[in-house]
């Protein structure tokens, strides 16, 4: 049986503080990310910034992950490992997935950034992925079901010729980075777990230019990439379900 926790007001206030740090970090990354830097530079920048705000990077060694944030370039969907050898070049896109731990309470969010001037096709993928998140939460409120989120995302994305990764999903969040329930980016409205006010979710469309199929690196056990080598984008926010809608805590 799925156990979804209702957050206390104290926990929610900690999440809001964590969310403020996240918002400022994403704004700063927009200026920081440019051709010539490495994904390890991004990792160090995020680590220092989060710690300077009295928080901890949630992903640091989480399940053994060797970095503070995930940096996923071009065809990498999620869980890209920051590296001193991976230099960003003009035209790349890079998703930066960040967790912020403030006094034991987590938020989780991701943005996909252009590196310098990118193609129209790459920019369209980024735009659709971001809009998919907002479609997913459009009718979300107390009394909605988890399936409503994925159904709305799928109905928006697939008619545009893009595909949605199915193996990687959103999730509950709070005292742990990953809590119940799982929140797929596809599905049928009116199905899965019932949501009510006080629940927090990390909703995160992962959209591929080509097919939905992925492959996970046998070398590092982490890097998840599109099987066909085409681009993938990722957009995520932590949201609080309210009686009449959602509060986006990381935006």
C-alpha atoms as a PDB file:
ATOM      1  CA  UNK A   1       0.000   0.000   0.000  1.00  0.00           C
ATOM      2  CA  UNK A   2       1.329   3.424  -0.964  1.00  0.00           C
ATOM      3  CA  UNK A   3       1.970   5.753   1.968  1.00  0.00           C
ATOM      4  CA  UNK A   4       2.038   9.411   0.901  1.00  0.00           C
ATOM      5  CA  UNK A   5       2.959  11.793   3.690  1.00  0.00           C
ATOM      6  CA  UNK A   6       1.119  15.023   4.490  1.00  0.00           C
ATOM      7  CA  UNK A   7       3.641  17.748   5.260  1.00  0.00           C
ATOM      8  CA  UNK A   8       3.458  19.857   8.421  1.00  0.00           C
ATOM      9  CA  UNK A   9       3.528  23.638   8.211  1.00  0.00           C
ATOM     10  CA  UNK A  10       7.051  23.586   9.674  1.00  0.00           C
ATOM     11  CA  UNK A  11       8.202  21.199   6.942  1.00  0.00           C
ATOM     12  CA  UNK A  12       6.522  23.287   4.249  1.00  0.00           C
ATOM     13  CA  UNK A  13       8.247  26.438   5.465  1.00  0.00           C
ATOM     14  CA  UNK A  14      11.607  24.647   5.268  1.00  0.00           C
ATOM     15  CA  UNK A  15      10.749  23.568   1.720  1.00  0.00           C
ATOM     16  CA  UNK A  16       9.931  27.163   0.814  1.00  0.00           C
ATOM     17  CA  UNK A  17      13.335  28.263   2.124  1.00  0.00           C
ATOM     18  CA  UNK A  18      15.009  25.483   0.135  1.00  0.00           C
ATOM     19  CA  UNK A  19      12.997  26.526  -2.920  1.00  0.00           C
ATOM     20  CA  UNK A  20      14.269  30.114  -2.659  1.00  0.00           C
ATOM     21  CA  UNK A  21      17.842  28.834  -2.789  1.00  0.00           C
ATOM     22  CA  UNK A  22      16.948  26.706  -5.820  1.00  0.00           C
ATOM     23  CA  UNK A  23      15.386  29.660  -7.666  1.00  0.00           C
ATOM     24  CA  UNK A  24      18.426  31.872  -7.121  1.00  0.00           C
ATOM     25  CA  UNK A  25      20.791  29.083  -8.170  1.00  0.00           C
ATOM     26  CA  UNK A  26      18.929  28.516 -11.459  1.00  0.00           C
ATOM     27  CA  UNK A  27      19.049  32.254 -12.201  1.00  0.00           C
ATOM     28  CA  UNK A  28      22.803  32.286 -11.593  1.00  0.00           C
ATOM     29  CA  UNK A  29      23.360  29.203 -13.747  1.00  0.00           C
ATOM     30  CA  UNK A  30      21.797  31.013 -16.695  1.00  0.00           C
ATOM     31  CA  UNK A  31      24.779  33.393 -16.612  1.00  0.00           C
ATOM     32  CA  UNK A  32      27.355  30.779 -15.635  1.00  0.00           C
ATOM     33  CA  UNK A  33      26.700  28.170 -18.322  1.00  0.00           C
ATOM     34  CA  UNK A  34      28.584  28.967 -21.524  1.00  0.00           C
ATOM     35  CA  UNK A  35      30.902  27.301 -24.032  1.00  0.00           C
ATOM     36  CA  UNK A  36      34.259  26.265 -22.582  1.00  0.00           C
ATOM     37  CA  UNK A  37      33.216  25.270 -19.065  1.00  0.00           C
ATOM     38  CA  UNK A  38      33.083  21.645 -17.931  1.00  0.00           C
ATOM     39  CA  UNK A  39      30.183  19.836 -16.321  1.00  0.00           C
ATOM     40  CA  UNK A  40      32.411  19.529 -13.229  1.00  0.00           C
ATOM     41  CA  UNK A  41      32.582  23.358 -13.159  1.00  0.00           C
ATOM     42  CA  UNK A  42      28.769  23.370 -12.957  1.00  0.00           C
ATOM     43  CA  UNK A  43      28.865  20.813 -10.137  1.00  0.00           C
ATOM     44  CA  UNK A  44      31.378  22.860  -8.130  1.00  0.00           C
ATOM     45  CA  UNK A  45      29.442  26.095  -8.718  1.00  0.00           C
ATOM     46  CA  UNK A  46      26.198  24.511  -7.466  1.00  0.00           C
ATOM     47  CA  UNK A  47      27.866  22.835  -4.483  1.00  0.00           C
ATOM     48  CA  UNK A  48      29.476  26.060  -3.291  1.00  0.00           C
ATOM     49  CA  UNK A  49      26.331  28.109  -3.812  1.00  0.00           C
ATOM     50  CA  UNK A  50      24.053  25.676  -1.953  1.00  0.00           C
ATOM     51  CA  UNK A  51      26.466  25.404   0.993  1.00  0.00           C
ATOM     52  CA  UNK A  52      26.908  29.213   1.094  1.00  0.00           C
ATOM     53  CA  UNK A  53      23.147  29.477   1.734  1.00  0.00           C
ATOM     54  CA  UNK A  54      23.266  27.188   4.768  1.00  0.00           C
ATOM     55  CA  UNK A  55      21.928  24.173   2.868  1.00  0.00           C
ATOM     56  CA  UNK A  56      23.343  20.871   1.614  1.00  0.00           C
ATOM     57  CA  UNK A  57      23.250  19.404  -1.913  1.00  0.00           C
ATOM     58  CA  UNK A  58      20.736  16.550  -1.597  1.00  0.00           C
ATOM     59  CA  UNK A  59      22.299  14.442  -4.331  1.00  0.00           C
ATOM     60  CA  UNK A  60      25.846  14.457  -2.891  1.00  0.00           C
ATOM     61  CA  UNK A  61      26.684  10.727  -2.699  1.00  0.00           C
ATOM     62  CA  UNK A  62      22.942   9.882  -2.677  1.00  0.00           C
ATOM     63  CA  UNK A  63      22.799   6.123  -3.455  1.00  0.00           C
ATOM     64  CA  UNK A  64      26.514   6.501  -4.212  1.00  0.00           C
ATOM     65  CA  UNK A  65      26.114   9.158  -6.934  1.00  0.00           C
ATOM     66  CA  UNK A  66      29.562  10.727  -7.538  1.00  0.00           C
ATOM     67  CA  UNK A  67      28.557  14.404  -7.682  1.00  0.00           C
ATOM     68  CA  UNK A  68      26.496  17.170  -6.102  1.00  0.00           C
ATOM     69  CA  UNK A  69      24.147  17.680  -9.076  1.00  0.00           C
ATOM     70  CA  UNK A  70      23.297  15.753 -12.244  1.00  0.00           C
ATOM     71  CA  UNK A  71      24.601  17.326 -15.470  1.00  0.00           C
ATOM     72  CA  UNK A  72      23.041  15.706 -18.538  1.00  0.00           C
ATOM     73  CA  UNK A  73      24.309  16.891 -21.930  1.00  0.00           C
ATOM     74  CA  UNK A  74      22.482  16.507 -25.283  1.00  0.00           C
ATOM     75  CA  UNK A  75      21.356  12.864 -25.578  1.00  0.00           C
ATOM     76  CA  UNK A  76      21.738  12.192 -21.847  1.00  0.00           C
ATOM     77  CA  UNK A  77      18.261  12.123 -20.283  1.00  0.00           C
ATOM     78  CA  UNK A  78      19.145  12.095 -16.575  1.00  0.00           C
ATOM     79  CA  UNK A  79      21.870  11.207 -14.057  1.00  0.00           C
ATOM     80  CA  UNK A  80      24.776  12.605 -16.061  1.00  0.00           C
ATOM     81  CA  UNK A  81      27.908  12.519 -13.889  1.00  0.00           C
ATOM     82  CA  UNK A  82      29.835  15.834 -13.695  1.00  0.00           C
ATOM     83  CA  UNK A  83      33.258  15.481 -15.292  1.00  0.00           C
ATOM     84  CA  UNK A  84      36.384  17.603 -15.762  1.00  0.00           C
ATOM     85  CA  UNK A  85      36.691  16.019 -19.224  1.00  0.00           C
ATOM     86  CA  UNK A  86      33.260  16.991 -20.524  1.00  0.00           C
ATOM     87  CA  UNK A  87      33.666  20.471 -21.987  1.00  0.00           C
ATOM     88  CA  UNK A  88      30.495  22.232 -23.142  1.00  0.00           C
ATOM     89  CA  UNK A  89      30.562  23.587 -26.690  1.00  0.00           C
ATOM     90  CA  UNK A  90      28.394  26.038 -28.595  1.00  0.00           C
ATOM     91  CA  UNK A  91      25.093  24.406 -29.540  1.00  0.00           C
ATOM     92  CA  UNK A  92      24.960  21.899 -26.666  1.00  0.00           C
ATOM     93  CA  UNK A  93      22.051  21.686 -24.263  1.00  0.00           C
ATOM     94  CA  UNK A  94      22.623  20.686 -20.632  1.00  0.00           C
ATOM     95  CA  UNK A  95      20.081  19.685 -17.987  1.00  0.00           C
ATOM     96  CA  UNK A  96      21.082  20.536 -14.426  1.00  0.00           C
ATOM     97  CA  UNK A  97      19.094  18.501 -11.887  1.00  0.00           C
ATOM     98  CA  UNK A  98      19.491  19.819  -8.342  1.00  0.00           C
ATOM     99  CA  UNK A  99      18.368  18.762  -4.868  1.00  0.00           C
ATOM    100  CA  UNK A 100      18.563  21.197  -1.951  1.00  0.00           C
ATOM    101  CA  UNK A 101      18.428  19.984   1.662  1.00  0.00           C
ATOM    102  CA  UNK A 102      17.453  22.678   4.171  1.00  0.00           C
ATOM    103  CA  UNK A 103      17.423  21.403   7.760  1.00  0.00           C
ATOM    104  CA  UNK A 104      16.517  17.866   6.685  1.00  0.00           C
ATOM    105  CA  UNK A 105      13.792  18.798   4.180  1.00  0.00           C
ATOM    106  CA  UNK A 106      14.394  18.498   0.419  1.00  0.00           C
ATOM    107  CA  UNK A 107      13.305  20.154  -2.795  1.00  0.00           C
ATOM    108  CA  UNK A 108      14.195  18.808  -6.235  1.00  0.00           C
ATOM    109  CA  UNK A 109      14.137  20.691  -9.545  1.00  0.00           C
ATOM    110  CA  UNK A 110      15.755  20.730 -12.983  1.00  0.00           C
ATOM    111  CA  UNK A 111      16.275  23.144 -15.859  1.00  0.00           C
ATOM    112  CA  UNK A 112      17.677  22.502 -19.347  1.00  0.00           C
ATOM    113  CA  UNK A 113      19.991  25.295 -20.506  1.00  0.00           C
ATOM    114  CA  UNK A 114      21.252  26.267 -23.956  1.00  0.00           C
ATOM    115  CA  UNK A 115      25.020  26.508 -24.302  1.00  0.00           C
ATOM    116  CA  UNK A 116      25.583  29.619 -26.408  1.00  0.00           C
ATOM    117  CA  UNK A 117      23.515  29.698 -29.590  1.00  0.00           C
ATOM    118  CA  UNK A 118      21.526  26.494 -30.143  1.00  0.00           C
ATOM    119  CA  UNK A 119      19.441  25.162 -33.023  1.00  0.00           C
ATOM    120  CA  UNK A 120      15.771  26.034 -33.399  1.00  0.00           C
ATOM    121  CA  UNK A 121      14.970  22.337 -32.971  1.00  0.00           C
ATOM    122  CA  UNK A 122      16.850  22.136 -29.665  1.00  0.00           C
ATOM    123  CA  UNK A 123      15.147  25.278 -28.375  1.00  0.00           C
ATOM    124  CA  UNK A 124      11.742  23.915 -29.356  1.00  0.00           C
ATOM    125  CA  UNK A 125      12.459  20.724 -27.400  1.00  0.00           C
ATOM    126  CA  UNK A 126      13.379  22.769 -24.304  1.00  0.00           C
ATOM    127  CA  UNK A 127      10.240  24.903 -24.668  1.00  0.00           C
ATOM    128  CA  UNK A 128       7.904  21.919 -25.102  1.00  0.00           C
ATOM    129  CA  UNK A 129       9.430  20.164 -22.085  1.00  0.00           C
ATOM    130  CA  UNK A 130       8.907  23.204 -19.868  1.00  0.00           C
ATOM    131  CA  UNK A 131       5.344  23.728 -21.108  1.00  0.00           C
ATOM    132  CA  UNK A 132       4.612  20.044 -20.484  1.00  0.00           C
ATOM    133  CA  UNK A 133       5.201  20.565 -16.769  1.00  0.00           C
ATOM    134  CA  UNK A 134       2.641  23.383 -16.677  1.00  0.00           C
ATOM    135  CA  UNK A 135       0.149  21.271 -18.627  1.00  0.00           C
ATOM    136  CA  UNK A 136       0.677  18.515 -16.069  1.00  0.00           C
ATOM    137  CA  UNK A 137      -0.253  20.732 -13.131  1.00  0.00           C
ATOM    138  CA  UNK A 138      -2.996  22.736 -14.846  1.00  0.00           C
ATOM    139  CA  UNK A 139      -5.891  20.875 -13.218  1.00  0.00           C
ATOM    140  CA  UNK A 140      -4.022  19.500 -10.214  1.00  0.00           C
ATOM    141  CA  UNK A 141      -5.609  20.018  -6.789  1.00  0.00           C
ATOM    142  CA  UNK A 142      -6.825  18.104  -3.749  1.00  0.00           C
ATOM    143  CA  UNK A 143      -8.965  15.250  -5.061  1.00  0.00           C
ATOM    144  CA  UNK A 144      -6.949  14.779  -8.269  1.00  0.00           C
ATOM    145  CA  UNK A 145      -5.192  11.500  -8.975  1.00  0.00           C
ATOM    146  CA  UNK A 146      -1.564  10.859  -9.882  1.00  0.00           C
ATOM    147  CA  UNK A 147      -2.651   9.543 -13.298  1.00  0.00           C
ATOM    148  CA  UNK A 148      -4.120  12.954 -14.150  1.00  0.00           C
ATOM    149  CA  UNK A 149      -0.616  14.456 -14.230  1.00  0.00           C
ATOM    150  CA  UNK A 150       0.896  11.979 -16.664  1.00  0.00           C
ATOM    151  CA  UNK A 151      -2.215  11.952 -18.863  1.00  0.00           C
ATOM    152  CA  UNK A 152      -2.047  15.734 -19.279  1.00  0.00           C
ATOM    153  CA  UNK A 153       1.699  15.697 -20.023  1.00  0.00           C
ATOM    154  CA  UNK A 154       1.337  12.879 -22.549  1.00  0.00           C
ATOM    155  CA  UNK A 155      -1.621  14.550 -24.296  1.00  0.00           C
ATOM    156  CA  UNK A 156       0.476  17.694 -24.745  1.00  0.00           C
ATOM    157  CA  UNK A 157       3.836  16.191 -25.751  1.00  0.00           C
ATOM    158  CA  UNK A 158       3.142  13.276 -28.078  1.00  0.00           C
ATOM    159  CA  UNK A 159       1.011  15.140 -30.682  1.00  0.00           C
ATOM    160  CA  UNK A 160       4.027  17.435 -31.172  1.00  0.00           C
ATOM    161  CA  UNK A 161       6.092  14.470 -32.397  1.00  0.00           C
ATOM    162  CA  UNK A 162       8.164  14.045 -29.225  1.00  0.00           C
ATOM    163  CA  UNK A 163       8.282  11.050 -26.898  1.00  0.00           C
ATOM    164  CA  UNK A 164       8.272  10.663 -23.116  1.00  0.00           C
ATOM    165  CA  UNK A 165      10.717   8.526 -21.165  1.00  0.00           C
ATOM    166  CA  UNK A 166       8.777   5.874 -19.249  1.00  0.00           C
ATOM    167  CA  UNK A 167      11.388   4.233 -17.043  1.00  0.00           C
ATOM    168  CA  UNK A 168      12.233   7.437 -15.149  1.00  0.00           C
ATOM    169  CA  UNK A 169       9.428   9.176 -13.247  1.00  0.00           C
ATOM    170  CA  UNK A 170       8.616  11.967 -10.825  1.00  0.00           C
ATOM    171  CA  UNK A 171       8.059  11.211  -7.146  1.00  0.00           C
ATOM    172  CA  UNK A 172       6.965  12.348  -3.735  1.00  0.00           C
ATOM    173  CA  UNK A 173       9.478  14.428  -1.788  1.00  0.00           C
ATOM    174  CA  UNK A 174      10.047  15.808   1.722  1.00  0.00           C
ATOM    175  CA  UNK A 175      12.177  14.270   4.474  1.00  0.00           C
ATOM    176  CA  UNK A 176      13.675  12.060   1.730  1.00  0.00           C
ATOM    177  CA  UNK A 177      14.537  13.024  -1.847  1.00  0.00           C
ATOM    178  CA  UNK A 178      12.440  10.140  -3.170  1.00  0.00           C
ATOM    179  CA  UNK A 179       9.165   9.345  -1.438  1.00  0.00           C
ATOM    180  CA  UNK A 180       5.934   7.725  -2.578  1.00  0.00           C
ATOM    181  CA  UNK A 181       4.157   7.970  -4.945  1.00  0.00           C
ATOM    182  CA  UNK A 182       5.848   7.515  -8.324  1.00  0.00           C
ATOM    183  CA  UNK A 183       4.600  10.143 -10.790  1.00  0.00           C
ATOM    184  CA  UNK A 184       4.902   8.939 -14.421  1.00  0.00           C
ATOM    185  CA  UNK A 185       4.842  11.409 -17.325  1.00  0.00           C
ATOM    186  CA  UNK A 186       2.269   9.294 -19.161  1.00  0.00           C
ATOM    187  CA  UNK A 187      -0.877   7.447 -18.193  1.00  0.00           C
ATOM    188  CA  UNK A 188      -4.625   7.570 -17.847  1.00  0.00           C
ATOM    189  CA  UNK A 189      -6.589  10.308 -16.094  1.00  0.00           C
ATOM    190  CA  UNK A 190      -8.566   9.256 -13.033  1.00  0.00           C
ATOM    191  CA  UNK A 191      -6.167   6.428 -12.138  1.00  0.00           C
ATOM    192  CA  UNK A 192      -3.500   5.751  -9.490  1.00  0.00           C
ATOM    193  CA  UNK A 193      -3.178   7.369  -6.071  1.00  0.00           C
ATOM    194  CA  UNK A 194      -5.599  10.000  -4.755  1.00  0.00           C
ATOM    195  CA  UNK A 195      -3.955  13.325  -3.904  1.00  0.00           C
ATOM    196  CA  UNK A 196      -4.915  15.690  -1.121  1.00  0.00           C
ATOM    197  CA  UNK A 197      -3.774  19.021   0.314  1.00  0.00           C
ATOM    198  CA  UNK A 198      -0.399  18.899   2.033  1.00  0.00           C
ATOM    199  CA  UNK A 199       1.235  16.348  -0.273  1.00  0.00           C
ATOM    200  CA  UNK A 200       4.426  17.365  -2.101  1.00  0.00           C
ATOM    201  CA  UNK A 201       5.536  16.021  -5.475  1.00  0.00           C
ATOM    202  CA  UNK A 202       8.508  16.462  -7.793  1.00  0.00           C
ATOM    203  CA  UNK A 203       6.969  16.562 -11.271  1.00  0.00           C
ATOM    204  CA  UNK A 204       9.528  16.183 -14.052  1.00  0.00           C
ATOM    205  CA  UNK A 205       8.791  15.666 -17.746  1.00  0.00           C
ATOM    206  CA  UNK A 206      11.713  14.075 -19.628  1.00  0.00           C
ATOM    207  CA  UNK A 207      11.101  14.583 -23.334  1.00  0.00           C
ATOM    208  CA  UNK A 208      13.019  12.994 -26.220  1.00  0.00           C
ATOM    209  CA  UNK A 209      13.425  14.272 -29.769  1.00  0.00           C
ATOM    210  CA  UNK A 210      13.340  10.723 -31.107  1.00  0.00           C
ATOM    211  CA  UNK A 211      11.977   7.509 -29.574  1.00  0.00           C
ATOM    212  CA  UNK A 212      11.268   7.100 -25.866  1.00  0.00           C
ATOM    213  CA  UNK A 213      13.758   4.265 -25.448  1.00  0.00           C
ATOM    214  CA  UNK A 214      16.772   4.727 -23.185  1.00  0.00           C
ATOM    215  CA  UNK A 215      20.005   2.972 -22.322  1.00  0.00           C
ATOM    216  CA  UNK A 216      21.898   3.114 -19.021  1.00  0.00           C
ATOM    217  CA  UNK A 217      25.694   3.154 -19.179  1.00  0.00           C
ATOM    218  CA  UNK A 218      27.333  -0.129 -18.235  1.00  0.00           C
ATOM    219  CA  UNK A 219      30.535   1.804 -17.517  1.00  0.00           C
ATOM    220  CA  UNK A 220      29.224   3.975 -14.670  1.00  0.00           C
ATOM    221  CA  UNK A 221      25.778   2.502 -13.931  1.00  0.00           C
ATOM    222  CA  UNK A 222      24.272   6.001 -13.826  1.00  0.00           C
ATOM    223  CA  UNK A 223      24.233   7.830 -17.159  1.00  0.00           C
ATOM    224  CA  UNK A 224      20.831   7.391 -18.786  1.00  0.00           C
ATOM    225  CA  UNK A 225      20.777   8.378 -22.466  1.00  0.00           C
ATOM    226  CA  UNK A 226      18.455   8.134 -25.461  1.00  0.00           C
ATOM    227  CA  UNK A 227      19.015   4.879 -27.321  1.00  0.00           C
ATOM    228  CA  UNK A 228      18.923   6.627 -30.716  1.00  0.00           C
ATOM    229  CA  UNK A 229      21.379   9.366 -29.678  1.00  0.00           C
ATOM    230  CA  UNK A 230      18.865  12.177 -30.236  1.00  0.00           C
ATOM    231  CA  UNK A 231      18.424  15.097 -27.839  1.00  0.00           C
ATOM    232  CA  UNK A 232      16.530  14.931 -24.561  1.00  0.00           C
ATOM    233  CA  UNK A 233      15.356  17.755 -22.273  1.00  0.00           C
ATOM    234  CA  UNK A 234      14.238  17.721 -18.632  1.00  0.00           C
ATOM    235  CA  UNK A 235      12.206  20.222 -16.616  1.00  0.00           C
ATOM    236  CA  UNK A 236      11.195  19.746 -12.974  1.00  0.00           C
ATOM    237  CA  UNK A 237       9.727  21.562  -9.991  1.00  0.00           C
ATOM    238  CA  UNK A 238       8.694  20.589  -6.484  1.00  0.00           C
ATOM    239  CA  UNK A 239       5.009  21.379  -5.921  1.00  0.00           C
ATOM    240  CA  UNK A 240       2.657  21.395  -2.948  1.00  0.00           C
ATOM    241  CA  UNK A 241      -0.889  20.172  -3.560  1.00  0.00           C
ATOM    242  CA  UNK A 242      -3.433  22.648  -2.137  1.00  0.00           C
ATOM    243  CA  UNK A 243      -7.232  22.505  -1.895  1.00  0.00           C
ATOM    244  CA  UNK A 244      -7.670  24.470  -5.105  1.00  0.00           C
ATOM    245  CA  UNK A 245      -4.422  24.000  -7.027  1.00  0.00           C
ATOM    246  CA  UNK A 246      -0.666  23.829  -6.494  1.00  0.00           C
ATOM    247  CA  UNK A 247       2.062  25.971  -5.000  1.00  0.00           C
ATOM    248  CA  UNK A 248       5.271  25.695  -7.029  1.00  0.00           C
ATOM    249  CA  UNK A 249       8.026  25.778  -4.428  1.00  0.00           C
ATOM    250  CA  UNK A 250      11.017  25.959  -6.756  1.00  0.00           C
ATOM    251  CA  UNK A 251       9.832  28.620  -9.209  1.00  0.00           C
END
